[in-house]
Amino acid sequence: MLITETTLPLPALHKGKVRDTYVLEDKLLMVTTDRVSAFDVVLPAGIPYKGKVLNRLSVFWFKKTENLLPNHLIRPVEDAAGLTELGLKGGEAGDFSYLAGRAMVVKKARRIPVECVARGYLSGSAWAEYRQNGTIGGLPAPGGMQESQRLHIPLFTPTTKEDSGHDLPLSAEGLADLVGKEMAEVLKKRTLEIYEFARQYASSRGIIIADTKMEFGEVDGKLILIDELLTPDSSRFWPEKSYAVGRAQPSFDKQHLRDWLDASGWNKEPPAPALPPEVVKQTSDKYREAYRLLTGTTLK
């Protein structure tokens, strides 16, 4: 079942590009849909299984990193019992069974308005910046580097968190001005710690995490991870066996989808063109393969 829209008998808090969030008394219910965005535009059709991959993979990583930093996860909604706990039993109110595997109950948190990006390899926007200016994240970088080259030390390259439009790069000074000097240092430290832990684990599963972005919030003055974590939407996953410096890498994410959109001549303004069935299927397969390799289980 493809889920691109949700309507629940709960107060709606926020509809994002991919996730719908509802108020659940003193908690929140976060539902991950199959919507897909590219170049900050939500596409007209979704990607089958995408929502379940993102939700379950986030749950996987939240549990795996909770000893490094607490997170907002209270419990995943995995089955009918989980729906009953929420008071969503179906019947005349509707069939909510689709929520199983794609929803989680989370803590309410004060969001820190920053996308915290860790980069271990020179790719994507960092590669474009390097080619144009010789810098990465606004900082001087060694000459002669190649596309997809591993960085000697992973870099922290934060951006703003915009409600609409493109996120904007933040210098160290800009980040400190936004959140305070002490918080800026903590965000950098935690982001790079979690990235390094995840990078090592993923490598043992045959995956390179080239870069990833995280979001943080505060509950009772304490820093926690929120939103999603180390998914194909928030990270660049590459197969180790085919990795080679000096070119773009095949990836377990929506890069194939982006490449098709680039080649289509689309001007990257709404509305986006409809995707061919083969692009939808390949993207769905990539998401599920990333889930299988990282977790060791197959998404049913």
Protein backbone atom coordinates (compact mmCIF):
# COMPACT_ATOMS: atom_id res chain seq x y z
CA MET A 1 0.00 0.00 0.00
CA LEU A 2 1.37 3.40 -1.01
CA ILE A 3 0.78 6.03 1.71
CA THR A 4 1.29 9.65 0.65
CA GLU A 5 -1.39 11.29 2.82
CA THR A 6 -2.62 10.66 6.36
CA THR A 7 -5.79 11.76 8.14
CA LEU A 8 -6.04 10.74 11.79
CA PRO A 9 -8.58 11.61 14.51
CA LEU A 10 -5.83 13.47 16.36
CA PRO A 11 -4.83 17.16 16.40
CA ALA A 12 -2.44 17.76 13.48
CA LEU A 13 0.74 19.59 14.44
CA HIS A 14 2.84 19.69 11.29
CA LYS A 15 2.97 18.35 7.76
CA GLY A 16 6.49 18.13 6.41
CA LYS A 17 7.85 17.01 3.06
CA VAL A 18 7.77 13.38 4.22
CA ARG A 19 6.42 13.22 7.79
CA ASP A 20 3.05 14.09 9.33
CA THR A 21 3.09 14.85 13.05
CA TYR A 22 0.09 14.66 15.38
CA VAL A 23 -0.43 15.64 19.02
CA LEU A 24 -0.91 12.70 21.38
CA GLU A 25 -1.63 14.30 24.76
CA ASP A 26 1.82 15.17 26.17
CA LYS A 27 3.58 13.27 23.36
CA LEU A 28 3.67 13.31 19.56
CA LEU A 29 2.86 10.71 16.91
CA MET A 30 5.21 10.96 13.94
CA VAL A 31 4.08 9.20 10.77
CA THR A 32 6.52 8.65 7.90
CA THR A 33 4.73 8.63 4.56
CA ASP A 34 5.91 7.42 1.16
CA ARG A 35 6.15 11.00 -0.13
CA VAL A 36 9.43 11.86 -1.79
CA SER A 37 11.01 15.26 -2.34
CA ALA A 38 13.83 16.34 -4.59
CA PHE A 39 15.40 19.77 -4.88
CA ASP A 40 13.02 20.92 -2.08
CA VAL A 41 9.92 19.99 -4.09
CA VAL A 42 7.53 17.18 -3.13
CA LEU A 43 6.98 14.96 -6.16
CA PRO A 44 3.47 14.04 -7.37
CA ALA A 45 3.88 10.31 -6.64
CA GLY A 46 5.43 8.44 -3.74
CA ILE A 47 7.96 5.61 -3.48
CA PRO A 48 6.57 2.25 -2.25
CA TYR A 49 7.95 1.07 1.13
CA LYS A 50 9.95 4.28 1.57
CA GLY A 51 8.09 5.39 4.70
CA LYS A 52 8.59 2.06 6.44
CA VAL A 53 12.29 2.00 5.56
CA LEU A 54 12.85 5.51 6.93
CA ASN A 55 10.83 4.90 10.09
CA ARG A 56 12.25 1.49 10.95
CA LEU A 57 15.81 2.48 10.11
CA SER A 58 15.49 5.56 12.34
CA VAL A 59 14.21 3.32 15.16
CA PHE A 60 17.17 0.98 14.54
CA TRP A 61 19.70 3.82 14.82
CA PHE A 62 17.97 5.56 17.74
CA LYS A 63 18.27 2.33 19.74
CA LYS A 64 21.84 1.73 18.61
CA THR A 65 23.09 5.23 19.54
CA GLU A 66 21.09 5.91 22.71
CA ASN A 67 24.18 5.26 24.84
CA LEU A 68 25.93 8.10 22.97
CA LEU A 69 23.03 10.54 23.22
CA PRO A 70 19.36 10.15 24.23
CA ASN A 71 16.71 10.65 21.54
CA HIS A 72 13.02 11.43 21.23
CA LEU A 73 11.83 7.85 20.61
CA ILE A 74 9.34 6.55 23.18
CA ARG A 75 8.17 3.52 21.22
CA PRO A 76 7.62 2.45 17.62
CA VAL A 77 4.13 1.55 16.42
CA GLU A 78 4.68 -1.94 15.05
CA ASP A 79 1.38 -3.82 15.19
CA ALA A 80 -2.30 -3.84 16.11
CA ALA A 81 -1.46 -3.71 19.82
CA GLY A 82 0.47 -0.50 19.24
CA LEU A 83 -2.50 1.01 17.41
CA THR A 84 -4.84 0.03 20.25
CA GLU A 85 -2.56 1.80 22.72
CA LEU A 86 -3.04 4.94 20.65
CA GLY A 87 -6.82 4.49 20.61
CA LEU A 88 -6.77 3.89 16.85
CA LYS A 89 -8.76 0.67 16.47
CA GLY A 90 -10.26 1.21 13.03
CA GLY A 91 -13.92 0.41 12.49
CA GLU A 92 -16.10 3.40 11.62
CA ALA A 93 -13.23 5.79 12.26
CA GLY A 94 -11.21 4.20 9.47
CA ASP A 95 -8.53 1.58 8.96
CA PHE A 96 -5.26 2.74 10.53
CA SER A 97 -3.36 -0.53 10.12
CA TYR A 98 -1.11 1.20 7.58
CA LEU A 99 0.53 3.05 10.49
CA ALA A 100 2.22 -0.14 11.70
CA GLY A 101 5.91 0.05 10.88
CA ARG A 102 5.77 3.65 9.68
CA ALA A 103 4.94 5.54 12.91
CA MET A 104 6.57 6.23 16.25
CA VAL A 105 5.52 7.86 19.50
CA VAL A 106 8.06 10.52 20.42
CA LYS A 107 8.75 13.12 23.08
CA LYS A 108 7.85 16.74 22.57
CA ALA A 109 11.08 18.70 22.23
CA ARG A 110 12.21 22.24 21.53
CA ARG A 111 13.77 21.95 18.09
CA ILE A 112 17.19 23.53 17.53
CA PRO A 113 16.86 25.20 14.09
CA VAL A 114 20.02 23.71 12.58
CA GLU A 115 20.77 20.86 10.17
CA CYS A 116 23.91 19.28 11.64
CA VAL A 117 25.89 17.77 8.76
CA ALA A 118 28.87 15.44 9.11
CA ARG A 119 30.97 14.82 5.99
CA GLY A 120 33.49 12.03 5.67
CA TYR A 121 33.85 12.13 1.88
CA LEU A 122 33.96 14.83 -0.77
CA SER A 123 30.64 14.55 -2.57
CA GLY A 124 27.39 16.33 -3.39
CA SER A 125 27.24 20.03 -2.60
CA ALA A 126 30.65 19.85 -0.89
CA TRP A 127 32.24 18.62 -4.13
CA ALA A 128 30.49 21.38 -6.09
CA GLU A 129 31.76 23.99 -3.61
CA TYR A 130 35.29 22.57 -3.70
CA ARG A 131 35.44 22.68 -7.51
CA GLN A 132 34.23 26.27 -7.55
CA ASN A 133 36.02 27.78 -4.56
CA GLY A 134 38.56 25.28 -3.27
CA THR A 135 36.73 25.19 0.06
CA ILE A 136 34.54 22.72 1.95
CA GLY A 137 31.89 24.20 4.20
CA GLY A 138 33.49 27.59 3.69
CA LEU A 139 36.84 26.38 5.03
CA PRO A 140 40.10 26.13 3.02
CA ALA A 141 40.79 22.60 1.74
CA PRO A 142 43.91 20.93 0.29
CA GLY A 143 44.37 21.27 -3.45
CA GLY A 144 44.14 18.39 -5.89
CA MET A 145 41.32 16.51 -4.18
CA GLN A 146 39.05 14.27 -6.24
CA GLU A 147 35.33 13.55 -6.22
CA SER A 148 34.32 10.99 -3.56
CA GLN A 149 37.74 11.18 -1.88
CA ARG A 150 37.73 10.36 1.82
CA LEU A 151 38.50 13.35 4.01
CA HIS A 152 41.43 13.00 6.39
CA ILE A 153 39.20 14.19 9.25
CA PRO A 154 35.37 14.26 9.00
CA LEU A 155 34.02 17.80 8.82
CA PHE A 156 31.06 19.45 10.53
CA THR A 157 29.26 21.66 7.99
CA PRO A 158 25.97 22.85 9.53
CA THR A 159 23.19 24.66 7.71
CA THR A 160 20.08 26.54 8.68
CA LYS A 161 16.79 24.65 8.98
CA GLU A 162 14.36 26.44 6.68
CA ASP A 163 10.60 25.79 6.68
CA SER A 164 10.58 26.40 2.93
CA GLY A 165 13.26 26.83 0.30
CA HIS A 166 16.91 25.88 0.54
CA ASP A 167 18.83 25.50 3.79
CA LEU A 168 21.75 27.94 3.99
CA PRO A 169 25.34 27.15 5.03
CA LEU A 170 26.39 28.28 8.51
CA SER A 171 29.92 29.27 9.44
CA ALA A 172 31.21 28.49 12.93
CA GLU A 173 30.56 32.10 13.86
CA GLY A 174 27.09 32.05 12.33
CA LEU A 175 26.19 28.89 14.23
CA ALA A 176 27.45 30.39 17.50
CA ASP A 177 25.40 33.52 16.88
CA LEU A 178 22.30 31.39 16.27
CA VAL A 179 22.50 28.91 19.16
CA GLY A 180 25.28 30.22 21.41
CA LYS A 181 28.97 29.32 21.49
CA GLU A 182 28.64 26.49 24.02
CA MET A 183 25.73 24.83 22.21
CA ALA A 184 27.54 25.18 18.87
CA GLU A 185 30.50 23.22 20.27
CA VAL A 186 28.22 20.53 21.71
CA LEU A 187 26.35 20.12 18.40
CA LYS A 188 29.62 19.70 16.52
CA LYS A 189 31.00 17.20 19.03
CA ARG A 190 27.85 15.07 19.19
CA THR A 191 27.32 15.08 15.42
CA LEU A 192 30.84 13.88 14.69
CA GLU A 193 30.74 11.28 17.49
CA ILE A 194 27.52 9.74 16.22
CA TYR A 195 28.72 9.86 12.62
CA GLU A 196 31.96 8.07 13.50
CA PHE A 197 30.10 5.37 15.42
CA ALA A 198 27.66 4.86 12.55
CA ARG A 199 30.42 4.97 9.93
CA GLN A 200 32.30 2.13 11.62
CA TYR A 201 29.18 0.02 12.07
CA ALA A 202 28.02 0.57 8.46
CA SER A 203 31.49 -0.36 7.19
CA SER A 204 31.14 -3.73 8.90
CA ARG A 205 27.95 -4.19 6.85
CA GLY A 206 29.58 -3.21 3.54
CA ILE A 207 28.26 0.36 3.40
CA ILE A 208 30.12 3.66 3.33
CA ILE A 209 28.31 6.59 4.96
CA ALA A 210 29.71 9.45 2.93
CA ASP A 211 27.78 12.12 4.83
CA THR A 212 24.70 12.51 6.98
CA LYS A 213 22.59 15.19 8.60
CA MET A 214 21.04 15.13 12.06
CA GLU A 215 18.61 17.24 14.01
CA PHE A 216 18.67 17.96 17.71
CA GLY A 217 16.22 19.25 20.26
CA GLU A 218 15.99 19.87 23.98
CA VAL A 219 13.76 18.28 26.61
CA ASP A 220 13.97 19.77 30.11
CA GLY A 221 17.18 21.52 29.07
CA LYS A 222 18.88 18.31 27.91
CA LEU A 223 20.07 17.72 24.36
CA ILE A 224 18.50 14.82 22.41
CA LEU A 225 18.36 13.55 18.82
CA ILE A 226 15.05 14.11 17.02
CA ASP A 227 13.32 13.62 13.66
CA GLU A 228 15.09 10.86 11.66
CA LEU A 229 18.54 9.36 11.94
CA LEU A 230 20.94 7.88 9.38
CA THR A 231 18.37 7.03 6.73
CA PRO A 232 18.70 7.08 2.92
CA ASP A 233 16.90 10.44 2.99
CA SER A 234 19.30 12.04 5.45
CA SER A 235 22.51 10.26 4.42
CA ARG A 236 24.59 9.29 1.42
CA PHE A 237 25.10 5.50 1.50
CA TRP A 238 27.58 3.89 -0.91
CA PRO A 239 28.42 0.19 -1.44
CA GLU A 240 32.01 -0.39 -0.31
CA LYS A 241 32.68 -3.08 -2.91
CA SER A 242 32.32 -0.66 -5.84
CA TYR A 243 33.86 2.43 -4.22
CA ALA A 244 36.44 4.24 -6.37
CA VAL A 245 37.87 7.73 -6.00
CA GLY A 246 37.47 10.19 -8.84
CA ARG A 247 33.85 9.62 -9.82
CA ALA A 248 30.31 9.69 -8.51
CA GLN A 249 29.32 6.54 -6.61
CA PRO A 250 26.25 4.32 -6.95
CA SER A 251 24.16 4.93 -3.85
CA PHE A 252 21.36 3.47 -1.74
CA ASP A 253 19.14 6.53 -1.86
CA LYS A 254 17.20 8.72 -4.26
CA GLN A 255 20.22 9.76 -6.33
CA HIS A 256 18.90 7.77 -9.32
CA LEU A 257 15.68 9.74 -9.01
CA ARG A 258 17.56 13.06 -8.84
CA ASP A 259 19.65 12.10 -11.87
CA TRP A 260 16.49 11.36 -13.88
CA LEU A 261 14.98 14.71 -12.87
CA ASP A 262 18.19 16.51 -13.85
CA ALA A 263 18.21 14.83 -17.26
CA SER A 264 14.50 15.57 -17.79
CA GLY A 265 15.13 19.29 -18.17
CA TRP A 266 12.87 20.16 -15.24
CA ASN A 267 13.56 23.67 -13.91
CA LYS A 268 13.29 22.48 -10.27
CA GLU A 269 10.21 24.59 -9.64
CA PRO A 270 6.77 23.13 -8.74
CA PRO A 271 5.12 21.17 -10.13
CA ALA A 272 7.60 18.35 -10.58
CA PRO A 273 7.21 15.90 -13.47
CA ALA A 274 5.79 12.41 -12.94
CA LEU A 275 8.43 9.71 -12.50
CA PRO A 276 8.61 6.73 -14.88
CA PRO A 277 7.65 3.39 -13.24
CA GLU A 278 11.17 2.05 -13.62
CA VAL A 279 12.65 5.00 -11.70
CA VAL A 280 10.09 4.52 -8.92
CA LYS A 281 10.87 0.80 -8.68
CA GLN A 282 14.63 1.25 -8.69
CA THR A 283 14.44 3.91 -5.98
CA SER A 284 12.22 1.68 -3.84
CA ASP A 285 14.62 -1.25 -4.32
CA LYS A 286 17.59 0.91 -3.26
CA TYR A 287 15.87 1.98 -0.03
CA ARG A 288 14.97 -1.58 0.89
CA GLU A 289 18.45 -2.86 0.07
CA ALA A 290 19.99 -0.25 2.40
CA TYR A 291 17.64 -1.41 5.16
CA ARG A 292 18.53 -5.08 4.59
CA LEU A 293 22.28 -4.49 4.60
CA LEU A 294 22.31 -2.26 7.68
CA THR A 295 19.86 -4.19 9.85
CA GLY A 296 20.41 -7.72 8.57
CA THR A 297 16.65 -8.18 8.11
CA THR A 298 14.41 -7.98 5.06
CA LEU A 299 11.55 -5.48 5.04
CA LYS A 300 8.35 -7.46 4.57
